[in-house]
Amino acid sequence: MWRWKRPMRPSFTAGFSDVAKMIGLAKRIMGNIHQNIAIALGLKAVLLVTTTAGITGPWPAILADTGATVLVTMNALRLLRPVR
């Protein structure tokens, strides 16, 4: 016979090693955010200059902007890998 089980209550007995892991993850995340901002703004600055100078048209700039979005997303996905 099936019986209803109570949901488990959250445990507040997290050890210090868990806190250390979370601090390490937070540092990795902040580093990744800085990298992503640098990639996105750097690519946009280059394309803004080349488009206004007439070297590239608006369509290559749009495609490069989409490519930058994919690049930043792939860079952020690196955080899903376990830490060595």
N, C-alpha and C. Protein backbone atom coordinates (compact mmCIF):
# COMPACT_ATOMS: atom_id res chain seq x y z
N MET A 1 0.83 -1.18 0.00
CA MET A 1 0.00 0.00 0.00
C MET A 1 0.87 1.24 0.00
N TRP A 2 0.51 2.20 -0.84
CA TRP A 2 1.27 3.44 -0.95
C TRP A 2 0.97 4.34 0.23
N ARG A 3 2.02 4.91 0.77
CA ARG A 3 1.84 5.78 1.92
C ARG A 3 2.48 7.13 1.66
N TRP A 4 1.81 8.18 2.06
CA TRP A 4 2.32 9.54 1.85
C TRP A 4 3.54 9.77 2.74
N LYS A 5 4.60 10.29 2.12
CA LYS A 5 5.80 10.61 2.89
C LYS A 5 5.92 12.11 3.03
N ARG A 6 6.34 12.53 4.17
CA ARG A 6 6.54 13.96 4.37
C ARG A 6 7.77 14.41 3.60
N PRO A 7 7.73 15.64 3.08
CA PRO A 7 8.95 16.14 2.43
C PRO A 7 10.03 16.37 3.47
N MET A 8 11.25 16.17 3.04
CA MET A 8 12.36 16.35 3.97
C MET A 8 12.54 17.82 4.28
N ARG A 9 12.85 18.11 5.49
CA ARG A 9 13.11 19.49 5.89
C ARG A 9 14.54 19.86 5.52
N PRO A 10 14.76 21.13 5.22
CA PRO A 10 16.14 21.52 4.87
C PRO A 10 17.07 21.37 6.06
N SER A 11 18.25 20.95 5.78
CA SER A 11 19.24 20.76 6.84
C SER A 11 20.11 22.00 6.92
N PHE A 12 20.26 22.53 8.09
CA PHE A 12 21.09 23.70 8.29
C PHE A 12 22.44 23.32 8.89
N THR A 13 22.84 22.09 8.66
CA THR A 13 24.09 21.60 9.22
C THR A 13 25.17 21.52 8.14
N ALA A 14 25.16 22.45 7.21
CA ALA A 14 26.17 22.45 6.17
C ALA A 14 27.53 22.72 6.79
N GLY A 15 28.50 21.95 6.36
CA GLY A 15 29.84 22.10 6.92
C GLY A 15 30.58 23.27 6.30
N PHE A 16 31.76 23.51 6.84
CA PHE A 16 32.57 24.61 6.31
C PHE A 16 33.10 24.30 4.92
N SER A 17 33.24 23.02 4.58
CA SER A 17 33.73 22.68 3.25
C SER A 17 32.71 23.09 2.19
N ASP A 18 31.42 23.00 2.51
CA ASP A 18 30.40 23.44 1.57
C ASP A 18 30.46 24.95 1.36
N VAL A 19 30.72 25.69 2.41
CA VAL A 19 30.84 27.14 2.30
C VAL A 19 32.06 27.48 1.45
N ALA A 20 33.14 26.77 1.65
CA ALA A 20 34.35 27.01 0.86
C ALA A 20 34.10 26.72 -0.62
N LYS A 21 33.35 25.66 -0.90
CA LYS A 21 33.02 25.35 -2.30
C LYS A 21 32.17 26.45 -2.92
N MET A 22 31.23 26.97 -2.14
CA MET A 22 30.36 28.04 -2.66
C MET A 22 31.15 29.32 -2.91
N ILE A 23 32.10 29.62 -2.06
CA ILE A 23 32.94 30.80 -2.26
C ILE A 23 33.78 30.62 -3.52
N GLY A 24 34.34 29.43 -3.71
CA GLY A 24 35.11 29.16 -4.93
C GLY A 24 34.26 29.27 -6.18
N LEU A 25 33.03 28.77 -6.10
CA LEU A 25 32.12 28.88 -7.24
C LEU A 25 31.77 30.33 -7.52
N ALA A 26 31.56 31.11 -6.47
CA ALA A 26 31.23 32.53 -6.65
C ALA A 26 32.39 33.26 -7.32
N LYS A 27 33.62 32.92 -6.97
CA LYS A 27 34.78 33.55 -7.60
C LYS A 27 34.88 33.17 -9.06
N ARG A 28 34.60 31.89 -9.37
CA ARG A 28 34.61 31.46 -10.78
C ARG A 28 33.53 32.18 -11.58
N ILE A 29 32.36 32.35 -10.96
CA ILE A 29 31.26 33.03 -11.65
C ILE A 29 31.61 34.48 -11.93
N MET A 30 32.19 35.17 -10.94
CA MET A 30 32.54 36.58 -11.14
C MET A 30 33.61 36.72 -12.23
N GLY A 31 34.58 35.80 -12.25
CA GLY A 31 35.58 35.83 -13.31
C GLY A 31 34.96 35.62 -14.68
N ASN A 32 34.00 34.70 -14.74
CA ASN A 32 33.32 34.43 -16.01
C ASN A 32 32.48 35.63 -16.44
N ILE A 33 31.85 36.31 -15.50
CA ILE A 33 31.07 37.50 -15.84
C ILE A 33 31.97 38.58 -16.42
N HIS A 34 33.13 38.77 -15.81
CA HIS A 34 34.06 39.78 -16.32
C HIS A 34 34.55 39.41 -17.73
N GLN A 35 34.83 38.14 -17.95
CA GLN A 35 35.25 37.70 -19.28
C GLN A 35 34.15 37.95 -20.31
N ASN A 36 32.91 37.60 -19.96
CA ASN A 36 31.80 37.76 -20.89
C ASN A 36 31.55 39.23 -21.23
N ILE A 37 31.65 40.10 -20.24
CA ILE A 37 31.47 41.53 -20.50
C ILE A 37 32.58 42.04 -21.41
N ALA A 38 33.82 41.61 -21.16
CA ALA A 38 34.94 42.05 -22.00
C ALA A 38 34.78 41.55 -23.43
N ILE A 39 34.36 40.31 -23.60
CA ILE A 39 34.16 39.76 -24.95
C ILE A 39 33.07 40.53 -25.68
N ALA A 40 31.94 40.71 -25.03
CA ALA A 40 30.80 41.36 -25.68
C ALA A 40 31.10 42.82 -26.02
N LEU A 41 31.61 43.57 -25.06
CA LEU A 41 31.88 44.99 -25.31
C LEU A 41 33.03 45.19 -26.29
N GLY A 42 34.05 44.34 -26.21
CA GLY A 42 35.16 44.45 -27.15
C GLY A 42 34.74 44.19 -28.58
N LEU A 43 33.94 43.17 -28.79
CA LEU A 43 33.47 42.87 -30.14
C LEU A 43 32.54 43.95 -30.66
N LYS A 44 31.68 44.47 -29.79
CA LYS A 44 30.78 45.54 -30.20
C LYS A 44 31.55 46.80 -30.55
N ALA A 45 32.60 47.11 -29.79
CA ALA A 45 33.40 48.30 -30.07
C ALA A 45 34.12 48.18 -31.43
N VAL A 46 34.68 47.00 -31.68
CA VAL A 46 35.36 46.79 -32.96
C VAL A 46 34.37 46.91 -34.12
N LEU A 47 33.21 46.31 -33.98
CA LEU A 47 32.23 46.35 -35.06
C LEU A 47 31.62 47.74 -35.22
N LEU A 48 31.49 48.48 -34.14
CA LEU A 48 30.98 49.85 -34.25
C LEU A 48 31.94 50.72 -35.03
N VAL A 49 33.23 50.58 -34.75
CA VAL A 49 34.23 51.37 -35.47
C VAL A 49 34.29 50.97 -36.93
N THR A 50 34.32 49.66 -37.21
CA THR A 50 34.44 49.23 -38.61
C THR A 50 33.17 49.51 -39.41
N THR A 51 32.02 49.47 -38.77
CA THR A 51 30.78 49.76 -39.49
C THR A 51 30.65 51.25 -39.77
N THR A 52 30.97 52.08 -38.81
CA THR A 52 30.88 53.53 -39.05
C THR A 52 31.94 54.00 -40.03
N ALA A 53 33.08 53.29 -40.09
CA ALA A 53 34.12 53.65 -41.06
C ALA A 53 33.80 53.12 -42.45
N GLY A 54 32.79 52.29 -42.56
CA GLY A 54 32.39 51.75 -43.85
C GLY A 54 33.14 50.51 -44.26
N ILE A 55 33.92 49.93 -43.38
CA ILE A 55 34.68 48.73 -43.71
C ILE A 55 33.77 47.52 -43.76
N THR A 56 32.86 47.42 -42.80
CA THR A 56 31.88 46.33 -42.81
C THR A 56 30.48 46.93 -42.90
N GLY A 57 29.59 46.15 -43.42
CA GLY A 57 28.20 46.60 -43.52
C GLY A 57 27.44 46.25 -42.25
N PRO A 58 26.17 46.60 -42.23
CA PRO A 58 25.39 46.31 -41.03
C PRO A 58 25.10 44.82 -40.85
N TRP A 59 24.97 44.06 -41.95
CA TRP A 59 24.67 42.64 -41.80
C TRP A 59 25.81 41.84 -41.17
N PRO A 60 27.06 42.06 -41.57
CA PRO A 60 28.13 41.36 -40.85
C PRO A 60 28.19 41.75 -39.37
N ALA A 61 27.84 42.99 -39.07
CA ALA A 61 27.83 43.42 -37.67
C ALA A 61 26.73 42.68 -36.91
N ILE A 62 25.57 42.50 -37.53
CA ILE A 62 24.48 41.78 -36.89
C ILE A 62 24.86 40.32 -36.67
N LEU A 63 25.47 39.71 -37.68
CA LEU A 63 25.90 38.32 -37.54
C LEU A 63 26.98 38.16 -36.49
N ALA A 64 27.90 39.12 -36.43
CA ALA A 64 28.95 39.06 -35.41
C ALA A 64 28.36 39.25 -34.01
N ASP A 65 27.33 40.08 -33.90
CA ASP A 65 26.68 40.27 -32.61
C ASP A 65 26.00 38.98 -32.16
N THR A 66 25.37 38.29 -33.09
CA THR A 66 24.77 36.99 -32.77
C THR A 66 25.85 35.98 -32.39
N GLY A 67 26.96 36.02 -33.10
CA GLY A 67 28.08 35.15 -32.78
C GLY A 67 28.65 35.44 -31.40
N ALA A 68 28.67 36.72 -31.03
CA ALA A 68 29.16 37.09 -29.70
C ALA A 68 28.24 36.54 -28.62
N THR A 69 26.95 36.54 -28.90
CA THR A 69 25.99 35.98 -27.94
C THR A 69 26.24 34.49 -27.76
N VAL A 70 26.49 33.79 -28.84
CA VAL A 70 26.78 32.35 -28.76
C VAL A 70 28.10 32.12 -28.03
N LEU A 71 29.09 32.94 -28.31
CA LEU A 71 30.39 32.80 -27.66
C LEU A 71 30.30 33.03 -26.16
N VAL A 72 29.57 34.05 -25.76
CA VAL A 72 29.40 34.35 -24.34
C VAL A 72 28.63 33.22 -23.65
N THR A 73 27.62 32.68 -24.34
CA THR A 73 26.86 31.57 -23.76
C THR A 73 27.73 30.34 -23.59
N MET A 74 28.53 30.03 -24.58
CA MET A 74 29.43 28.88 -24.48
C MET A 74 30.47 29.08 -23.37
N ASN A 75 30.92 30.32 -23.21
CA ASN A 75 31.86 30.61 -22.14
C ASN A 75 31.21 30.41 -20.77
N ALA A 76 29.96 30.79 -20.65
CA ALA A 76 29.25 30.61 -19.38
C ALA A 76 28.98 29.14 -19.09
N LEU A 77 28.81 28.33 -20.12
CA LEU A 77 28.55 26.91 -19.92
C LEU A 77 29.75 26.17 -19.32
N ARG A 78 30.93 26.79 -19.39
CA ARG A 78 32.11 26.17 -18.78
C ARG A 78 31.93 26.01 -17.27
N LEU A 79 31.08 26.81 -16.68
CA LEU A 79 30.86 26.72 -15.24
C LEU A 79 30.16 25.44 -14.82
N LEU A 80 29.55 24.75 -15.75
CA LEU A 80 28.86 23.50 -15.43
C LEU A 80 29.82 22.34 -15.25
N ARG A 81 31.06 22.49 -15.71
CA ARG A 81 32.04 21.43 -15.52
C ARG A 81 32.46 21.36 -14.06
N PRO A 82 32.73 20.17 -13.57
CA PRO A 82 33.19 20.08 -12.17
C PRO A 82 34.59 20.66 -12.01
N VAL A 83 34.87 21.15 -10.83
CA VAL A 83 36.16 21.72 -10.53
C VAL A 83 37.15 20.60 -10.28
N ARG A 84 38.35 20.76 -10.78
CA ARG A 84 39.38 19.72 -10.60
C ARG A 84 40.09 19.91 -9.29
